[in-house]
C-alpha atoms as a PDB file:
ATOM      1  CA  UNK A   1     -54.498  46.562  -9.980  1.00  0.00           C
ATOM      2  CA  UNK A   2     -56.662  43.497  -9.548  1.00  0.00           C
ATOM      3  CA  UNK A   3     -59.402  43.146  -6.959  1.00  0.00           C
ATOM      4  CA  UNK A   4     -60.384  39.820  -5.456  1.00  0.00           C
ATOM      5  CA  UNK A   5     -61.746  38.338  -2.256  1.00  0.00           C
ATOM      6  CA  UNK A   6     -59.400  38.400   0.727  1.00  0.00           C
ATOM      7  CA  UNK A   7     -57.818  35.070   1.675  1.00  0.00           C
ATOM      8  CA  UNK A   8     -57.650  33.847   5.291  1.00  0.00           C
ATOM      9  CA  UNK A   9     -53.828  33.947   5.388  1.00  0.00           C
ATOM     10  CA  UNK A  10     -53.884  37.628   4.324  1.00  0.00           C
ATOM     11  CA  UNK A  11     -55.818  38.935   7.313  1.00  0.00           C
ATOM     12  CA  UNK A  12     -52.693  39.883   9.323  1.00  0.00           C
ATOM     13  CA  UNK A  13     -51.484  41.779   6.255  1.00  0.00           C
ATOM     14  CA  UNK A  14     -54.755  43.737   6.236  1.00  0.00           C
ATOM     15  CA  UNK A  15     -53.982  44.809   9.787  1.00  0.00           C
ATOM     16  CA  UNK A  16     -50.537  46.002   8.624  1.00  0.00           C
ATOM     17  CA  UNK A  17     -52.108  47.948   5.762  1.00  0.00           C
ATOM     18  CA  UNK A  18     -54.505  49.644   8.176  1.00  0.00           C
ATOM     19  CA  UNK A  19     -51.680  50.602  10.539  1.00  0.00           C
ATOM     20  CA  UNK A  20     -49.667  52.086   7.650  1.00  0.00           C
ATOM     21  CA  UNK A  21     -52.723  53.874   6.248  1.00  0.00           C
ATOM     22  CA  UNK A  22     -53.346  55.414   9.665  1.00  0.00           C
ATOM     23  CA  UNK A  23     -49.935  57.066   9.882  1.00  0.00           C
ATOM     24  CA  UNK A  24     -50.836  60.151   7.760  1.00  0.00           C
ATOM     25  CA  UNK A  25     -53.438  61.083  10.398  1.00  0.00           C
ATOM     26  CA  UNK A  26     -50.520  61.902  12.687  1.00  0.00           C
ATOM     27  CA  UNK A  27     -49.642  64.877  10.448  1.00  0.00           C
ATOM     28  CA  UNK A  28     -53.125  66.295  11.126  1.00  0.00           C
ATOM     29  CA  UNK A  29     -52.756  66.025  14.897  1.00  0.00           C
ATOM     30  CA  UNK A  30     -55.041  62.974  14.971  1.00  0.00           C
ATOM     31  CA  UNK A  31     -52.596  60.789  16.876  1.00  0.00           C
ATOM     32  CA  UNK A  32     -55.363  58.725  18.466  1.00  0.00           C
ATOM     33  CA  UNK A  33     -56.515  57.672  14.986  1.00  0.00           C
ATOM     34  CA  UNK A  34     -52.964  56.831  13.907  1.00  0.00           C
ATOM     35  CA  UNK A  35     -52.493  54.782  17.080  1.00  0.00           C
ATOM     36  CA  UNK A  36     -55.872  53.021  16.936  1.00  0.00           C
ATOM     37  CA  UNK A  37     -55.491  49.271  16.635  1.00  0.00           C
ATOM     38  CA  UNK A  38     -56.875  47.652  13.489  1.00  0.00           C
ATOM     39  CA  UNK A  39     -59.817  45.305  13.640  1.00  0.00           C
ATOM     40  CA  UNK A  40     -59.013  41.990  15.331  1.00  0.00           C
ATOM     41  CA  UNK A  41     -58.393  38.935  13.170  1.00  0.00           C
ATOM     42  CA  UNK A  42     -61.660  37.277  14.199  1.00  0.00           C
ATOM     43  CA  UNK A  43     -63.640  40.335  13.076  1.00  0.00           C
ATOM     44  CA  UNK A  44     -61.742  40.458   9.779  1.00  0.00           C
ATOM     45  CA  UNK A  45     -62.446  36.743   9.351  1.00  0.00           C
ATOM     46  CA  UNK A  46     -66.150  37.424   9.859  1.00  0.00           C
ATOM     47  CA  UNK A  47     -66.142  39.886   6.961  1.00  0.00           C
ATOM     48  CA  UNK A  48     -64.068  37.506   4.841  1.00  0.00           C
ATOM     49  CA  UNK A  49     -66.257  34.487   5.550  1.00  0.00           C
ATOM     50  CA  UNK A  50     -69.360  36.528   4.681  1.00  0.00           C
ATOM     51  CA  UNK A  51     -67.847  37.508   1.339  1.00  0.00           C
ATOM     52  CA  UNK A  52     -67.541  41.125   2.456  1.00  0.00           C
ATOM     53  CA  UNK A  53     -63.736  41.629   2.373  1.00  0.00           C
ATOM     54  CA  UNK A  54     -61.930  42.505  -0.845  1.00  0.00           C
ATOM     55  CA  UNK A  55     -58.295  43.274  -1.534  1.00  0.00           C
ATOM     56  CA  UNK A  56     -56.546  45.170  -4.282  1.00  0.00           C
ATOM     57  CA  UNK A  57     -53.385  43.278  -5.162  1.00  0.00           C
ATOM     58  CA  UNK A  58     -50.177  44.218  -6.912  1.00  0.00           C
ATOM     59  CA  UNK A  59     -48.515  42.288  -9.748  1.00  0.00           C
ATOM     60  CA  UNK A  60     -47.211  39.709  -7.266  1.00  0.00           C
ATOM     61  CA  UNK A  61     -50.794  39.110  -5.977  1.00  0.00           C
ATOM     62  CA  UNK A  62     -49.934  40.782  -2.664  1.00  0.00           C
ATOM     63  CA  UNK A  63     -52.632  42.999  -1.085  1.00  0.00           C
ATOM     64  CA  UNK A  64     -51.881  46.736  -1.059  1.00  0.00           C
ATOM     65  CA  UNK A  65     -55.384  47.859  -0.015  1.00  0.00           C
ATOM     66  CA  UNK A  66     -58.638  46.419   1.228  1.00  0.00           C
ATOM     67  CA  UNK A  67     -62.309  47.202   1.707  1.00  0.00           C
ATOM     68  CA  UNK A  68     -64.764  45.764   4.217  1.00  0.00           C
ATOM     69  CA  UNK A  69     -68.502  46.183   3.778  1.00  0.00           C
ATOM     70  CA  UNK A  70     -71.775  45.144   5.316  1.00  0.00           C
ATOM     71  CA  UNK A  71     -75.410  45.630   4.401  1.00  0.00           C
ATOM     72  CA  UNK A  72     -77.099  48.398   6.393  1.00  0.00           C
ATOM     73  CA  UNK A  73     -80.704  49.376   5.692  1.00  0.00           C
ATOM     74  CA  UNK A  74     -80.655  48.253   2.062  1.00  0.00           C
ATOM     75  CA  UNK A  75     -77.292  49.813   1.235  1.00  0.00           C
ATOM     76  CA  UNK A  76     -73.756  48.485   1.013  1.00  0.00           C
ATOM     77  CA  UNK A  77     -72.038  50.221   3.912  1.00  0.00           C
ATOM     78  CA  UNK A  78     -68.283  50.708   3.654  1.00  0.00           C
ATOM     79  CA  UNK A  79     -67.009  49.751   7.073  1.00  0.00           C
ATOM     80  CA  UNK A  80     -63.340  50.235   6.230  1.00  0.00           C
ATOM     81  CA  UNK A  81     -61.261  51.081   3.206  1.00  0.00           C
ATOM     82  CA  UNK A  82     -57.509  51.290   3.685  1.00  0.00           C
ATOM     83  CA  UNK A  83     -54.775  51.807   1.120  1.00  0.00           C
ATOM     84  CA  UNK A  84     -51.120  51.336   1.987  1.00  0.00           C
ATOM     85  CA  UNK A  85     -49.333  54.697   1.542  1.00  0.00           C
ATOM     86  CA  UNK A  86     -46.963  53.096  -1.002  1.00  0.00           C
ATOM     87  CA  UNK A  87     -49.993  52.444  -3.238  1.00  0.00           C
ATOM     88  CA  UNK A  88     -51.854  55.694  -2.484  1.00  0.00           C
ATOM     89  CA  UNK A  89     -52.883  58.272  -5.088  1.00  0.00           C
ATOM     90  CA  UNK A  90     -53.201  55.671  -7.844  1.00  0.00           C
ATOM     91  CA  UNK A  91     -56.970  55.155  -7.803  1.00  0.00           C
ATOM     92  CA  UNK A  92     -56.803  51.968  -5.739  1.00  0.00           C
ATOM     93  CA  UNK A  93     -59.413  53.116  -3.211  1.00  0.00           C
ATOM     94  CA  UNK A  94     -61.704  54.233  -6.037  1.00  0.00           C
ATOM     95  CA  UNK A  95     -61.334  50.831  -7.738  1.00  0.00           C
ATOM     96  CA  UNK A  96     -62.267  49.041  -4.511  1.00  0.00           C
ATOM     97  CA  UNK A  97     -65.333  51.266  -4.097  1.00  0.00           C
ATOM     98  CA  UNK A  98     -66.395  50.684  -7.711  1.00  0.00           C
ATOM     99  CA  UNK A  99     -65.977  46.933  -7.167  1.00  0.00           C
ATOM    100  CA  UNK A 100     -68.280  47.177  -4.153  1.00  0.00           C
ATOM    101  CA  UNK A 101     -70.776  49.247  -6.178  1.00  0.00           C
ATOM    102  CA  UNK A 102     -70.941  46.519  -8.827  1.00  0.00           C
ATOM    103  CA  UNK A 103     -71.385  43.795  -6.199  1.00  0.00           C
ATOM    104  CA  UNK A 104     -74.066  45.847  -4.429  1.00  0.00           C
ATOM    105  CA  UNK A 105     -76.005  46.363  -7.672  1.00  0.00           C
ATOM    106  CA  UNK A 106     -75.937  42.599  -8.266  1.00  0.00           C
ATOM    107  CA  UNK A 107     -77.397  42.116  -4.786  1.00  0.00           C
ATOM    108  CA  UNK A 108     -80.156  44.635  -5.517  1.00  0.00           C
ATOM    109  CA  UNK A 109     -78.883  47.185  -3.013  1.00  0.00           C
ATOM    110  CA  UNK A 110     -79.814  50.818  -3.601  1.00  0.00           C
ATOM    111  CA  UNK A 111     -76.754  52.747  -2.495  1.00  0.00           C
ATOM    112  CA  UNK A 112     -73.334  52.854  -0.918  1.00  0.00           C
ATOM    113  CA  UNK A 113     -72.962  54.506   2.476  1.00  0.00           C
ATOM    114  CA  UNK A 114     -70.098  55.354   4.796  1.00  0.00           C
ATOM    115  CA  UNK A 115     -69.134  57.476   7.757  1.00  0.00           C
ATOM    116  CA  UNK A 116     -66.003  59.589   7.621  1.00  0.00           C
ATOM    117  CA  UNK A 117     -64.094  62.590   8.893  1.00  0.00           C
ATOM    118  CA  UNK A 118     -65.291  65.852   7.323  1.00  0.00           C
ATOM    119  CA  UNK A 119     -62.009  67.766   7.500  1.00  0.00           C
ATOM    120  CA  UNK A 120     -59.519  65.105   6.392  1.00  0.00           C
ATOM    121  CA  UNK A 121     -58.630  65.666   2.708  1.00  0.00           C
ATOM    122  CA  UNK A 122     -58.559  61.948   1.900  1.00  0.00           C
ATOM    123  CA  UNK A 123     -61.891  61.375   3.657  1.00  0.00           C
ATOM    124  CA  UNK A 124     -65.116  63.399   3.053  1.00  0.00           C
ATOM    125  CA  UNK A 125     -63.706  65.606   0.241  1.00  0.00           C
ATOM    126  CA  UNK A 126     -62.360  62.505  -1.522  1.00  0.00           C
ATOM    127  CA  UNK A 127     -65.658  60.635  -1.198  1.00  0.00           C
ATOM    128  CA  UNK A 128     -67.562  63.674  -2.500  1.00  0.00           C
ATOM    129  CA  UNK A 129     -65.411  63.506  -5.643  1.00  0.00           C
ATOM    130  CA  UNK A 130     -66.514  59.866  -5.988  1.00  0.00           C
ATOM    131  CA  UNK A 131     -70.185  60.872  -5.940  1.00  0.00           C
ATOM    132  CA  UNK A 132     -71.052  60.521  -2.257  1.00  0.00           C
ATOM    133  CA  UNK A 133     -73.225  63.232  -0.744  1.00  0.00           C
ATOM    134  CA  UNK A 134     -73.304  64.317   2.892  1.00  0.00           C
ATOM    135  CA  UNK A 135     -76.396  63.363   4.861  1.00  0.00           C
ATOM    136  CA  UNK A 136     -77.797  66.085   7.109  1.00  0.00           C
ATOM    137  CA  UNK A 137     -80.184  65.569  10.004  1.00  0.00           C
ATOM    138  CA  UNK A 138     -83.619  64.747   8.648  1.00  0.00           C
ATOM    139  CA  UNK A 139     -82.321  63.425   5.325  1.00  0.00           C
ATOM    140  CA  UNK A 140     -84.232  60.212   4.482  1.00  0.00           C
ATOM    141  CA  UNK A 141     -80.891  58.596   3.581  1.00  0.00           C
ATOM    142  CA  UNK A 142     -79.773  58.992   7.187  1.00  0.00           C
ATOM    143  CA  UNK A 143     -81.231  55.673   8.301  1.00  0.00           C
ATOM    144  CA  UNK A 144     -81.514  54.166  11.756  1.00  0.00           C
ATOM    145  CA  UNK A 145     -78.634  51.830  10.905  1.00  0.00           C
ATOM    146  CA  UNK A 146     -76.331  54.704   9.942  1.00  0.00           C
ATOM    147  CA  UNK A 147     -77.292  56.592  13.098  1.00  0.00           C
ATOM    148  CA  UNK A 148     -76.453  53.500  15.175  1.00  0.00           C
ATOM    149  CA  UNK A 149     -73.055  53.241  13.440  1.00  0.00           C
ATOM    150  CA  UNK A 150     -72.399  56.928  14.167  1.00  0.00           C
ATOM    151  CA  UNK A 151     -73.279  56.444  17.837  1.00  0.00           C
ATOM    152  CA  UNK A 152     -70.956  53.422  18.083  1.00  0.00           C
ATOM    153  CA  UNK A 153     -68.127  55.367  16.451  1.00  0.00           C
ATOM    154  CA  UNK A 154     -68.678  58.248  18.870  1.00  0.00           C
ATOM    155  CA  UNK A 155     -68.497  55.811  21.788  1.00  0.00           C
ATOM    156  CA  UNK A 156     -65.169  54.616  20.351  1.00  0.00           C
ATOM    157  CA  UNK A 157     -63.852  58.197  20.481  1.00  0.00           C
ATOM    158  CA  UNK A 158     -64.122  59.097  16.807  1.00  0.00           C
ATOM    159  CA  UNK A 159     -66.439  62.043  17.505  1.00  0.00           C
ATOM    160  CA  UNK A 160     -63.461  64.022  18.838  1.00  0.00           C
ATOM    161  CA  UNK A 161     -63.174  65.234  15.217  1.00  0.00           C
ATOM    162  CA  UNK A 162     -66.072  66.273  12.949  1.00  0.00           C
ATOM    163  CA  UNK A 163     -67.644  63.298  11.202  1.00  0.00           C
ATOM    164  CA  UNK A 164     -70.407  62.821   8.691  1.00  0.00           C
ATOM    165  CA  UNK A 165     -72.502  60.093   7.100  1.00  0.00           C
ATOM    166  CA  UNK A 166     -72.427  60.007   3.295  1.00  0.00           C
ATOM    167  CA  UNK A 167     -74.424  58.189   0.638  1.00  0.00           C
ATOM    168  CA  UNK A 168     -74.032  57.457  -3.066  1.00  0.00           C
ATOM    169  CA  UNK A 169     -77.039  56.212  -4.990  1.00  0.00           C
ATOM    170  CA  UNK A 170     -76.317  53.350  -7.335  1.00  0.00           C
ATOM    171  CA  UNK A 171     -77.174  53.834 -11.000  1.00  0.00           C
ATOM    172  CA  UNK A 172     -80.621  52.532 -11.723  1.00  0.00           C
ATOM    173  CA  UNK A 173     -81.633  52.787  -8.060  1.00  0.00           C
ATOM    174  CA  UNK A 174     -84.310  55.182  -6.784  1.00  0.00           C
ATOM    175  CA  UNK A 175     -82.809  58.380  -5.310  1.00  0.00           C
END
Protein backbone atom coordinates (compact mmCIF):
# COMPACT_ATOMS: atom_id res chain seq x y z
CA UNK A 1 0.00 0.00 0.00
CA UNK A 2 1.32 3.42 -0.92
CA UNK A 3 0.13 6.67 0.62
CA UNK A 4 0.15 9.95 -1.25
CA UNK A 5 -1.74 13.22 -1.46
CA UNK A 6 -5.25 13.01 -2.91
CA UNK A 7 -5.66 14.32 -6.46
CA UNK A 8 -8.55 16.61 -7.46
CA UNK A 9 -10.05 14.05 -9.87
CA UNK A 10 -10.19 11.46 -7.04
CA UNK A 11 -12.52 13.40 -4.76
CA UNK A 12 -15.71 11.71 -6.05
CA UNK A 13 -14.00 8.37 -5.43
CA UNK A 14 -13.38 9.41 -1.81
CA UNK A 15 -17.12 9.94 -1.47
CA UNK A 16 -17.70 6.41 -2.81
CA UNK A 17 -15.18 4.99 -0.34
CA UNK A 18 -16.95 6.74 2.53
CA UNK A 19 -20.34 5.41 1.45
CA UNK A 20 -18.97 1.85 1.24
CA UNK A 21 -17.15 2.20 4.57
CA UNK A 22 -20.40 3.33 6.18
CA UNK A 23 -22.32 0.20 5.22
CA UNK A 24 -21.04 -1.97 8.13
CA UNK A 25 -22.71 0.47 10.55
CA UNK A 26 -26.03 -0.88 9.30
CA UNK A 27 -25.26 -4.24 10.97
CA UNK A 28 -25.02 -2.41 14.32
CA UNK A 29 -28.40 -0.73 13.91
CA UNK A 30 -26.73 2.59 13.08
CA UNK A 31 -28.65 3.11 9.85
CA UNK A 32 -28.43 6.90 10.10
CA UNK A 33 -24.63 6.64 10.01
CA UNK A 34 -24.71 4.25 7.05
CA UNK A 35 -27.07 6.61 5.22
CA UNK A 36 -25.20 9.82 6.08
CA UNK A 37 -23.95 11.59 2.98
CA UNK A 38 -20.19 11.97 2.61
CA UNK A 39 -18.56 15.36 2.74
CA UNK A 40 -19.35 17.53 -0.28
CA UNK A 41 -16.76 17.87 -3.03
CA UNK A 42 -15.99 21.49 -2.16
CA UNK A 43 -15.19 20.52 1.44
CA UNK A 44 -13.00 17.63 0.27
CA UNK A 45 -11.26 20.05 -2.10
CA UNK A 46 -10.57 22.37 0.83
CA UNK A 47 -8.75 19.58 2.67
CA UNK A 48 -6.92 18.58 -0.51
CA UNK A 49 -5.85 22.12 -1.38
CA UNK A 50 -4.57 22.60 2.18
CA UNK A 51 -2.46 19.46 1.91
CA UNK A 52 -4.63 17.69 4.47
CA UNK A 53 -6.09 14.82 2.38
CA UNK A 54 -4.16 11.59 1.84
CA UNK A 55 -5.10 8.40 0.06
CA UNK A 56 -3.87 4.84 0.33
CA UNK A 57 -3.68 3.41 -3.17
CA UNK A 58 -3.58 -0.09 -4.56
CA UNK A 59 -1.10 -1.42 -7.13
CA UNK A 60 -3.00 0.36 -9.92
CA UNK A 61 -2.66 3.71 -8.03
CA UNK A 62 -6.39 3.72 -7.28
CA UNK A 63 -7.47 4.98 -3.83
CA UNK A 64 -8.88 2.34 -1.48
CA UNK A 65 -8.86 4.52 1.66
CA UNK A 66 -8.35 8.11 2.70
CA UNK A 67 -7.68 10.33 5.68
CA UNK A 68 -8.58 13.98 6.21
CA UNK A 69 -6.96 16.03 8.95
CA UNK A 70 -6.82 19.54 10.31
CA UNK A 71 -4.84 21.25 13.03
CA UNK A 72 -6.81 21.72 16.25
CA UNK A 73 -5.18 23.23 19.33
CA UNK A 74 -1.66 22.15 18.41
CA UNK A 75 -2.61 18.61 17.40
CA UNK A 76 -3.30 16.91 14.09
CA UNK A 77 -7.00 16.12 14.32
CA UNK A 78 -8.28 13.21 12.25
CA UNK A 79 -11.48 14.52 10.73
CA UNK A 80 -12.20 11.39 8.70
CA UNK A 81 -10.54 8.09 7.96
CA UNK A 82 -12.39 5.69 5.69
CA UNK A 83 -11.27 2.36 4.28
CA UNK A 84 -13.22 0.60 1.55
CA UNK A 85 -14.47 -2.74 2.94
CA UNK A 86 -12.61 -4.60 0.16
CA UNK A 87 -9.34 -3.24 1.61
CA UNK A 88 -10.30 -3.52 5.30
CA UNK A 89 -8.40 -5.55 7.90
CA UNK A 90 -5.07 -5.13 6.10
CA UNK A 91 -3.59 -2.29 8.16
CA UNK A 92 -4.52 0.41 5.65
CA UNK A 93 -6.15 2.67 8.24
CA UNK A 94 -3.16 2.23 10.55
CA UNK A 95 -0.77 3.15 7.71
CA UNK A 96 -2.75 6.32 6.99
CA UNK A 97 -2.67 7.28 10.68
CA UNK A 98 1.08 6.63 10.89
CA UNK A 99 1.57 8.77 7.77
CA UNK A 100 -0.33 11.59 9.48
CA UNK A 101 1.74 11.11 12.66
CA UNK A 102 4.95 11.55 10.67
CA UNK A 103 3.61 14.65 8.91
CA UNK A 104 2.40 16.09 12.23
CA UNK A 105 5.82 15.57 13.85
CA UNK A 106 7.44 17.41 10.94
CA UNK A 107 5.04 20.30 11.56
CA UNK A 108 5.93 20.35 15.26
CA UNK A 109 2.50 19.20 16.39
CA UNK A 110 2.27 17.45 19.75
CA UNK A 111 -0.39 14.81 19.24
CA UNK A 112 -3.05 13.20 17.12
CA UNK A 113 -6.68 13.59 18.16
CA UNK A 114 -10.01 12.27 16.97
CA UNK A 115 -13.61 11.79 17.99
CA UNK A 116 -15.26 8.42 17.56
CA UNK A 117 -17.97 6.01 18.61
CA UNK A 118 -17.12 4.19 21.85
CA UNK A 119 -19.03 0.97 21.17
CA UNK A 120 -18.17 0.33 17.52
CA UNK A 121 -15.40 -2.32 17.33
CA UNK A 122 -13.61 -0.60 14.45
CA UNK A 123 -13.78 2.78 16.20
CA UNK A 124 -12.68 3.48 19.83
CA UNK A 125 -11.37 -0.05 20.56
CA UNK A 126 -9.37 0.01 17.31
CA UNK A 127 -7.90 3.45 18.04
CA UNK A 128 -6.97 2.35 21.57
CA UNK A 129 -4.93 -0.46 20.01
CA UNK A 130 -3.14 2.22 17.96
CA UNK A 131 -2.15 4.11 21.11
CA UNK A 132 -4.98 6.62 21.45
CA UNK A 133 -6.34 7.21 24.93
CA UNK A 134 -9.84 8.35 25.85
CA UNK A 135 -10.18 11.89 27.15
CA UNK A 136 -12.47 12.31 30.15
CA UNK A 137 -14.00 15.56 31.34
CA UNK A 138 -11.32 17.69 32.94
CA UNK A 139 -8.46 16.03 31.05
CA UNK A 140 -6.06 18.76 29.85
CA UNK A 141 -6.00 17.04 26.44
CA UNK A 142 -9.70 17.76 26.05
CA UNK A 143 -9.17 21.17 24.48
CA UNK A 144 -11.67 23.85 23.56
CA UNK A 145 -11.27 22.88 19.90
CA UNK A 146 -12.11 19.23 20.58
CA UNK A 147 -15.11 20.26 22.67
CA UNK A 148 -16.32 22.46 19.80
CA UNK A 149 -15.95 19.53 17.38
CA UNK A 150 -17.92 17.30 19.76
CA UNK A 151 -20.70 19.89 20.00
CA UNK A 152 -20.86 20.20 16.20
CA UNK A 153 -21.03 16.42 15.82
CA UNK A 154 -23.82 16.26 18.39
CA UNK A 155 -25.74 18.91 16.45
CA UNK A 156 -25.32 16.71 13.36
CA UNK A 157 -26.98 13.82 15.23
CA UNK A 158 -23.90 11.76 16.05
CA UNK A 159 -24.56 11.93 19.81
CA UNK A 160 -27.40 9.42 19.39
CA UNK A 161 -24.67 6.83 20.09
CA UNK A 162 -21.93 7.10 22.73
CA UNK A 163 -18.93 9.05 21.48
CA UNK A 164 -15.57 10.00 22.89
CA UNK A 165 -12.59 12.22 22.16
CA UNK A 166 -9.23 10.44 22.00
CA UNK A 167 -5.62 11.58 21.89
CA UNK A 168 -2.27 10.00 21.05
CA UNK A 169 0.89 11.83 22.03
CA UNK A 170 3.55 11.90 19.37
CA UNK A 171 6.95 10.47 20.25
CA UNK A 172 9.23 13.18 21.50
CA UNK A 173 6.28 15.43 22.39
CA UNK A 174 5.41 16.44 25.96
CA UNK A 175 2.61 14.28 27.43
